[in-house]
């Protein structure tokens, strides 16, 4: 049922995105704030469709947790950034990827990690500047997430407690989905508030696999 609903939404969202890009390519006008909002809504919806499909497959698992595998983090970050290439073409900007030069391998379900990062990056697109994808090693864990440039969060803020924040009115529904992605990866959603935004991330176990992916 959920997969059928997702398929029904995918075509109109892709059409909306195509219209916005056509405007850009034909030089009808420079990208406006409204163009950014429209394309953000389309991109966010398309990411949520992929997540619905992933969660449906996770629901078929006996414990609801997706099987982890050794994953090269840098490759996932690059892939997520590339998936939003049409958005970057419209707004003439590119997000940064902040990661160490060393190959970081983690044990996680790759598809779930990609959906998690794409959901966070899509969420960040509603703000004036695109989010920043990052990965860094902290002791034996690898922190992987997105730093956005929206309003800061109060120190005691928690989406889990159903709190709302007027400056981020669209975030609640997105984070219900993100919470589900975190659950199927069997980790916790962490956050660090900044004066000009928030970093959302998960801490993943470093893989002991020696082979490079």
C-alpha atoms as a PDB file:
ATOM      1  CA  UNK A   1       0.000   0.000   0.000  1.00  0.00           C
ATOM      2  CA  UNK A   2       2.750   2.482   0.973  1.00  0.00           C
ATOM      3  CA  UNK A   3       4.777   1.612  -2.110  1.00  0.00           C
ATOM      4  CA  UNK A   4       1.746   2.229  -4.316  1.00  0.00           C
ATOM      5  CA  UNK A   5       1.206   5.622  -2.697  1.00  0.00           C
ATOM      6  CA  UNK A   6       4.868   6.488  -3.217  1.00  0.00           C
ATOM      7  CA  UNK A   7       4.680   5.566  -6.907  1.00  0.00           C
ATOM      8  CA  UNK A   8       1.619   7.768  -7.339  1.00  0.00           C
ATOM      9  CA  UNK A   9       3.456  10.781  -5.918  1.00  0.00           C
ATOM     10  CA  UNK A  10       6.746  10.277  -7.730  1.00  0.00           C
ATOM     11  CA  UNK A  11       5.624  11.322 -11.234  1.00  0.00           C
ATOM     12  CA  UNK A  12       4.052  14.710 -10.330  1.00  0.00           C
ATOM     13  CA  UNK A  13       6.998  15.619  -8.102  1.00  0.00           C
ATOM     14  CA  UNK A  14       9.462  14.777 -10.872  1.00  0.00           C
ATOM     15  CA  UNK A  15       7.368  16.877 -13.275  1.00  0.00           C
ATOM     16  CA  UNK A  16       7.474  19.897 -10.942  1.00  0.00           C
ATOM     17  CA  UNK A  17      11.244  19.567 -10.718  1.00  0.00           C
ATOM     18  CA  UNK A  18      11.553  19.312 -14.514  1.00  0.00           C
ATOM     19  CA  UNK A  19       9.502  22.492 -15.048  1.00  0.00           C
ATOM     20  CA  UNK A  20      11.706  24.476 -12.672  1.00  0.00           C
ATOM     21  CA  UNK A  21      14.839  23.251 -14.418  1.00  0.00           C
ATOM     22  CA  UNK A  22      13.396  24.063 -17.836  1.00  0.00           C
ATOM     23  CA  UNK A  23      12.840  27.652 -16.701  1.00  0.00           C
ATOM     24  CA  UNK A  24      16.485  27.825 -15.707  1.00  0.00           C
ATOM     25  CA  UNK A  25      17.807  26.314 -18.941  1.00  0.00           C
ATOM     26  CA  UNK A  26      15.726  28.589 -21.178  1.00  0.00           C
ATOM     27  CA  UNK A  27      16.778  31.640 -19.236  1.00  0.00           C
ATOM     28  CA  UNK A  28      13.245  32.756 -18.457  1.00  0.00           C
ATOM     29  CA  UNK A  29      14.442  34.330 -15.247  1.00  0.00           C
ATOM     30  CA  UNK A  30      16.980  33.969 -12.484  1.00  0.00           C
ATOM     31  CA  UNK A  31      16.105  31.566  -9.688  1.00  0.00           C
ATOM     32  CA  UNK A  32      13.842  33.293  -7.173  1.00  0.00           C
ATOM     33  CA  UNK A  33      13.054  32.444  -3.575  1.00  0.00           C
ATOM     34  CA  UNK A  34       9.802  30.901  -4.796  1.00  0.00           C
ATOM     35  CA  UNK A  35      11.684  28.740  -7.305  1.00  0.00           C
ATOM     36  CA  UNK A  36      13.931  27.531  -4.513  1.00  0.00           C
ATOM     37  CA  UNK A  37      10.945  26.698  -2.292  1.00  0.00           C
ATOM     38  CA  UNK A  38       9.141  24.838  -5.084  1.00  0.00           C
ATOM     39  CA  UNK A  39      12.198  22.796  -6.018  1.00  0.00           C
ATOM     40  CA  UNK A  40      12.970  22.140  -2.359  1.00  0.00           C
ATOM     41  CA  UNK A  41       9.458  20.740  -1.849  1.00  0.00           C
ATOM     42  CA  UNK A  42       9.850  18.501  -4.903  1.00  0.00           C
ATOM     43  CA  UNK A  43      13.296  17.266  -3.834  1.00  0.00           C
ATOM     44  CA  UNK A  44      12.145  16.657  -0.280  1.00  0.00           C
ATOM     45  CA  UNK A  45       9.129  14.703  -1.516  1.00  0.00           C
ATOM     46  CA  UNK A  46      11.226  12.530  -3.813  1.00  0.00           C
ATOM     47  CA  UNK A  47      13.630  11.723  -0.955  1.00  0.00           C
ATOM     48  CA  UNK A  48      10.715  10.793   1.276  1.00  0.00           C
ATOM     49  CA  UNK A  49       9.393   8.436  -1.400  1.00  0.00           C
ATOM     50  CA  UNK A  50      12.691   6.569  -1.429  1.00  0.00           C
ATOM     51  CA  UNK A  51      12.603   6.414   2.360  1.00  0.00           C
ATOM     52  CA  UNK A  52       9.047   5.024   2.399  1.00  0.00           C
ATOM     53  CA  UNK A  53      10.178   2.225   0.115  1.00  0.00           C
ATOM     54  CA  UNK A  54      13.185   1.510   2.300  1.00  0.00           C
ATOM     55  CA  UNK A  55      11.117   1.429   5.494  1.00  0.00           C
ATOM     56  CA  UNK A  56       8.607  -0.882   3.854  1.00  0.00           C
ATOM     57  CA  UNK A  57      11.413  -3.358   3.189  1.00  0.00           C
ATOM     58  CA  UNK A  58      12.696  -2.899   6.745  1.00  0.00           C
ATOM     59  CA  UNK A  59       9.224  -3.706   8.051  1.00  0.00           C
ATOM     60  CA  UNK A  60       9.504  -7.110   6.401  1.00  0.00           C
ATOM     61  CA  UNK A  61      12.557  -7.932   8.540  1.00  0.00           C
ATOM     62  CA  UNK A  62      11.895  -9.892  11.716  1.00  0.00           C
ATOM     63  CA  UNK A  63      13.452  -7.289  14.019  1.00  0.00           C
ATOM     64  CA  UNK A  64      12.835  -4.206  11.844  1.00  0.00           C
ATOM     65  CA  UNK A  65      16.586  -3.466  11.635  1.00  0.00           C
ATOM     66  CA  UNK A  66      18.321  -3.519   8.261  1.00  0.00           C
ATOM     67  CA  UNK A  67      21.415  -5.700   7.898  1.00  0.00           C
ATOM     68  CA  UNK A  68      24.658  -3.670   8.190  1.00  0.00           C
ATOM     69  CA  UNK A  69      27.554  -4.012   5.762  1.00  0.00           C
ATOM     70  CA  UNK A  70      30.997  -2.407   5.366  1.00  0.00           C
ATOM     71  CA  UNK A  71      30.445   0.976   3.699  1.00  0.00           C
ATOM     72  CA  UNK A  72      32.932   3.570   2.421  1.00  0.00           C
ATOM     73  CA  UNK A  73      31.530   6.824   3.822  1.00  0.00           C
ATOM     74  CA  UNK A  74      33.119   9.244   1.341  1.00  0.00           C
ATOM     75  CA  UNK A  75      31.465   7.447  -1.561  1.00  0.00           C
ATOM     76  CA  UNK A  76      28.031   7.788   0.039  1.00  0.00           C
ATOM     77  CA  UNK A  77      28.575  11.504   0.707  1.00  0.00           C
ATOM     78  CA  UNK A  78      29.575  12.099  -2.917  1.00  0.00           C
ATOM     79  CA  UNK A  79      26.614  10.105  -4.184  1.00  0.00           C
ATOM     80  CA  UNK A  80      24.125  12.039  -2.052  1.00  0.00           C
ATOM     81  CA  UNK A  81      25.593  15.360  -3.210  1.00  0.00           C
ATOM     82  CA  UNK A  82      25.379  14.200  -6.832  1.00  0.00           C
ATOM     83  CA  UNK A  83      21.735  13.162  -6.481  1.00  0.00           C
ATOM     84  CA  UNK A  84      20.818  16.800  -5.810  1.00  0.00           C
ATOM     85  CA  UNK A  85      22.657  18.050  -8.896  1.00  0.00           C
ATOM     86  CA  UNK A  86      19.491  19.442 -10.461  1.00  0.00           C
ATOM     87  CA  UNK A  87      18.876  21.618  -7.408  1.00  0.00           C
ATOM     88  CA  UNK A  88      22.443  22.946  -7.577  1.00  0.00           C
ATOM     89  CA  UNK A  89      21.970  23.797 -11.260  1.00  0.00           C
ATOM     90  CA  UNK A  90      18.956  25.955 -10.470  1.00  0.00           C
ATOM     91  CA  UNK A  91      20.363  27.881  -7.517  1.00  0.00           C
ATOM     92  CA  UNK A  92      24.005  28.038  -8.671  1.00  0.00           C
ATOM     93  CA  UNK A  93      25.499  26.708  -5.459  1.00  0.00           C
ATOM     94  CA  UNK A  94      27.229  23.572  -4.234  1.00  0.00           C
ATOM     95  CA  UNK A  95      27.368  22.141  -0.713  1.00  0.00           C
ATOM     96  CA  UNK A  96      30.679  21.248   0.858  1.00  0.00           C
ATOM     97  CA  UNK A  97      31.764  17.769   1.830  1.00  0.00           C
ATOM     98  CA  UNK A  98      33.930  17.832   4.946  1.00  0.00           C
ATOM     99  CA  UNK A  99      35.690  14.516   5.494  1.00  0.00           C
ATOM    100  CA  UNK A 100      39.153  13.270   6.350  1.00  0.00           C
ATOM    101  CA  UNK A 101      41.475  12.114   3.585  1.00  0.00           C
ATOM    102  CA  UNK A 102      41.706   8.635   5.054  1.00  0.00           C
ATOM    103  CA  UNK A 103      39.218   6.032   3.912  1.00  0.00           C
ATOM    104  CA  UNK A 104      36.479   5.791   6.536  1.00  0.00           C
ATOM    105  CA  UNK A 105      34.685   2.448   6.606  1.00  0.00           C
ATOM    106  CA  UNK A 106      31.606   1.915   8.762  1.00  0.00           C
ATOM    107  CA  UNK A 107      29.271  -0.975   9.434  1.00  0.00           C
ATOM    108  CA  UNK A 108      25.782   0.182   8.453  1.00  0.00           C
ATOM    109  CA  UNK A 109      23.081  -0.515   5.894  1.00  0.00           C
ATOM    110  CA  UNK A 110      24.238   1.551   2.924  1.00  0.00           C
ATOM    111  CA  UNK A 111      20.798   2.325   1.547  1.00  0.00           C
ATOM    112  CA  UNK A 112      19.559   3.475   4.957  1.00  0.00           C
ATOM    113  CA  UNK A 113      22.598   5.722   5.461  1.00  0.00           C
ATOM    114  CA  UNK A 114      22.100   7.278   2.042  1.00  0.00           C
ATOM    115  CA  UNK A 115      18.405   7.924   2.734  1.00  0.00           C
ATOM    116  CA  UNK A 116      19.307   9.433   6.109  1.00  0.00           C
ATOM    117  CA  UNK A 117      21.819  11.869   4.626  1.00  0.00           C
ATOM    118  CA  UNK A 118      19.574  12.716   1.667  1.00  0.00           C
ATOM    119  CA  UNK A 119      16.665  13.443   4.022  1.00  0.00           C
ATOM    120  CA  UNK A 120      18.795  15.787   6.121  1.00  0.00           C
ATOM    121  CA  UNK A 121      20.243  17.508   3.059  1.00  0.00           C
ATOM    122  CA  UNK A 122      16.760  17.946   1.568  1.00  0.00           C
ATOM    123  CA  UNK A 123      15.618  19.443   4.862  1.00  0.00           C
ATOM    124  CA  UNK A 124      18.494  21.944   4.756  1.00  0.00           C
ATOM    125  CA  UNK A 125      17.538  23.211   1.290  1.00  0.00           C
ATOM    126  CA  UNK A 126      14.685  25.285   2.694  1.00  0.00           C
ATOM    127  CA  UNK A 127      17.251  27.670   4.175  1.00  0.00           C
ATOM    128  CA  UNK A 128      19.314  30.315   2.365  1.00  0.00           C
ATOM    129  CA  UNK A 129      22.427  28.132   2.057  1.00  0.00           C
ATOM    130  CA  UNK A 130      22.627  24.433   1.309  1.00  0.00           C
ATOM    131  CA  UNK A 131      23.738  22.095   4.067  1.00  0.00           C
ATOM    132  CA  UNK A 132      27.228  20.686   4.512  1.00  0.00           C
ATOM    133  CA  UNK A 133      27.783  16.921   4.409  1.00  0.00           C
ATOM    134  CA  UNK A 134      30.405  15.728   6.868  1.00  0.00           C
ATOM    135  CA  UNK A 135      32.147  12.657   8.258  1.00  0.00           C
ATOM    136  CA  UNK A 136      34.787  12.569  10.961  1.00  0.00           C
ATOM    137  CA  UNK A 137      36.345  10.018  13.252  1.00  0.00           C
ATOM    138  CA  UNK A 138      35.800  10.379  17.004  1.00  0.00           C
ATOM    139  CA  UNK A 139      37.696   7.626  18.848  1.00  0.00           C
ATOM    140  CA  UNK A 140      36.328   4.333  17.478  1.00  0.00           C
ATOM    141  CA  UNK A 141      33.163   5.879  16.025  1.00  0.00           C
ATOM    142  CA  UNK A 142      32.528   7.741  12.793  1.00  0.00           C
ATOM    143  CA  UNK A 143      30.187  10.733  12.942  1.00  0.00           C
ATOM    144  CA  UNK A 144      28.251  11.121   9.693  1.00  0.00           C
ATOM    145  CA  UNK A 145      25.632  13.774   9.063  1.00  0.00           C
ATOM    146  CA  UNK A 146      24.600  17.155   7.698  1.00  0.00           C
ATOM    147  CA  UNK A 147      25.251  20.597   9.104  1.00  0.00           C
ATOM    148  CA  UNK A 148      22.509  23.038   8.073  1.00  0.00           C
ATOM    149  CA  UNK A 149      22.392  26.831   8.207  1.00  0.00           C
ATOM    150  CA  UNK A 150      18.900  27.354   9.543  1.00  0.00           C
ATOM    151  CA  UNK A 151      17.788  28.685  12.939  1.00  0.00           C
ATOM    152  CA  UNK A 152      19.620  27.352  15.985  1.00  0.00           C
ATOM    153  CA  UNK A 153      17.798  25.013  18.347  1.00  0.00           C
ATOM    154  CA  UNK A 154      17.309  25.610  22.082  1.00  0.00           C
ATOM    155  CA  UNK A 155      19.767  23.626  24.173  1.00  0.00           C
ATOM    156  CA  UNK A 156      17.021  21.390  25.614  1.00  0.00           C
ATOM    157  CA  UNK A 157      15.143  20.929  22.345  1.00  0.00           C
ATOM    158  CA  UNK A 158      14.041  17.390  21.449  1.00  0.00           C
ATOM    159  CA  UNK A 159      12.024  16.222  18.458  1.00  0.00           C
ATOM    160  CA  UNK A 160      11.341  13.032  20.389  1.00  0.00           C
ATOM    161  CA  UNK A 161       9.320  15.042  22.933  1.00  0.00           C
ATOM    162  CA  UNK A 162       7.106  16.478  20.185  1.00  0.00           C
ATOM    163  CA  UNK A 163       8.328  19.988  20.760  1.00  0.00           C
ATOM    164  CA  UNK A 164       7.727  22.510  17.996  1.00  0.00           C
ATOM    165  CA  UNK A 165       9.882  25.406  16.873  1.00  0.00           C
ATOM    166  CA  UNK A 166       8.281  28.316  14.996  1.00  0.00           C
ATOM    167  CA  UNK A 167      11.466  29.077  13.032  1.00  0.00           C
ATOM    168  CA  UNK A 168      11.550  25.501  11.686  1.00  0.00           C
ATOM    169  CA  UNK A 169       7.846  24.863  11.042  1.00  0.00           C
ATOM    170  CA  UNK A 170       8.395  22.294   8.297  1.00  0.00           C
ATOM    171  CA  UNK A 171      10.909  20.188  10.193  1.00  0.00           C
ATOM    172  CA  UNK A 172       8.619  18.101  12.391  1.00  0.00           C
ATOM    173  CA  UNK A 173       7.246  15.781   9.694  1.00  0.00           C
ATOM    174  CA  UNK A 174      10.690  15.326   8.153  1.00  0.00           C
ATOM    175  CA  UNK A 175      12.220  14.322  11.460  1.00  0.00           C
ATOM    176  CA  UNK A 176       9.551  11.726  12.124  1.00  0.00           C
ATOM    177  CA  UNK A 177      10.850  10.061   8.968  1.00  0.00           C
ATOM    178  CA  UNK A 178      14.480  10.632   9.945  1.00  0.00           C
ATOM    179  CA  UNK A 179      13.805   9.053  13.353  1.00  0.00           C
ATOM    180  CA  UNK A 180      12.552   5.936  11.550  1.00  0.00           C
ATOM    181  CA  UNK A 181      15.718   5.796   9.449  1.00  0.00           C
ATOM    182  CA  UNK A 182      17.812   6.039  12.593  1.00  0.00           C
ATOM    183  CA  UNK A 183      15.793   3.214  14.134  1.00  0.00           C
ATOM    184  CA  UNK A 184      16.334   0.811  11.217  1.00  0.00           C
ATOM    185  CA  UNK A 185      20.087   1.567  11.409  1.00  0.00           C
ATOM    186  CA  UNK A 186      19.958   0.771  15.148  1.00  0.00           C
ATOM    187  CA  UNK A 187      21.689   4.015  16.174  1.00  0.00           C
ATOM    188  CA  UNK A 188      20.697   7.349  17.754  1.00  0.00           C
ATOM    189  CA  UNK A 189      20.158  10.735  16.165  1.00  0.00           C
ATOM    190  CA  UNK A 190      22.577  13.249  17.681  1.00  0.00           C
ATOM    191  CA  UNK A 191      22.709  17.020  17.236  1.00  0.00           C
ATOM    192  CA  UNK A 192      24.979  19.965  17.903  1.00  0.00           C
ATOM    193  CA  UNK A 193      23.544  23.488  17.819  1.00  0.00           C
ATOM    194  CA  UNK A 194      25.481  26.387  16.342  1.00  0.00           C
ATOM    195  CA  UNK A 195      24.684  30.085  16.254  1.00  0.00           C
ATOM    196  CA  UNK A 196      23.768  29.764  12.588  1.00  0.00           C
ATOM    197  CA  UNK A 197      22.407  26.260  12.298  1.00  0.00           C
ATOM    198  CA  UNK A 198      22.471  22.692  13.572  1.00  0.00           C
ATOM    199  CA  UNK A 199      24.542  19.585  12.870  1.00  0.00           C
ATOM    200  CA  UNK A 200      22.481  16.389  12.836  1.00  0.00           C
ATOM    201  CA  UNK A 201      24.419  13.130  12.747  1.00  0.00           C
ATOM    202  CA  UNK A 202      24.709   9.503  13.769  1.00  0.00           C
ATOM    203  CA  UNK A 203      27.724   7.781  15.302  1.00  0.00           C
ATOM    204  CA  UNK A 204      28.501   4.579  13.433  1.00  0.00           C
ATOM    205  CA  UNK A 205      30.888   1.774  14.395  1.00  0.00           C
ATOM    206  CA  UNK A 206      34.104   1.709  12.424  1.00  0.00           C
ATOM    207  CA  UNK A 207      34.293  -1.365  10.216  1.00  0.00           C
ATOM    208  CA  UNK A 208      37.010  -3.925  10.833  1.00  0.00           C
ATOM    209  CA  UNK A 209      36.941  -5.057   7.218  1.00  0.00           C
ATOM    210  CA  UNK A 210      40.331  -4.603   5.594  1.00  0.00           C
ATOM    211  CA  UNK A 211      39.166  -4.681   1.997  1.00  0.00           C
ATOM    212  CA  UNK A 212      38.463  -1.351   0.314  1.00  0.00           C
ATOM    213  CA  UNK A 213      35.031  -0.819  -1.207  1.00  0.00           C
END
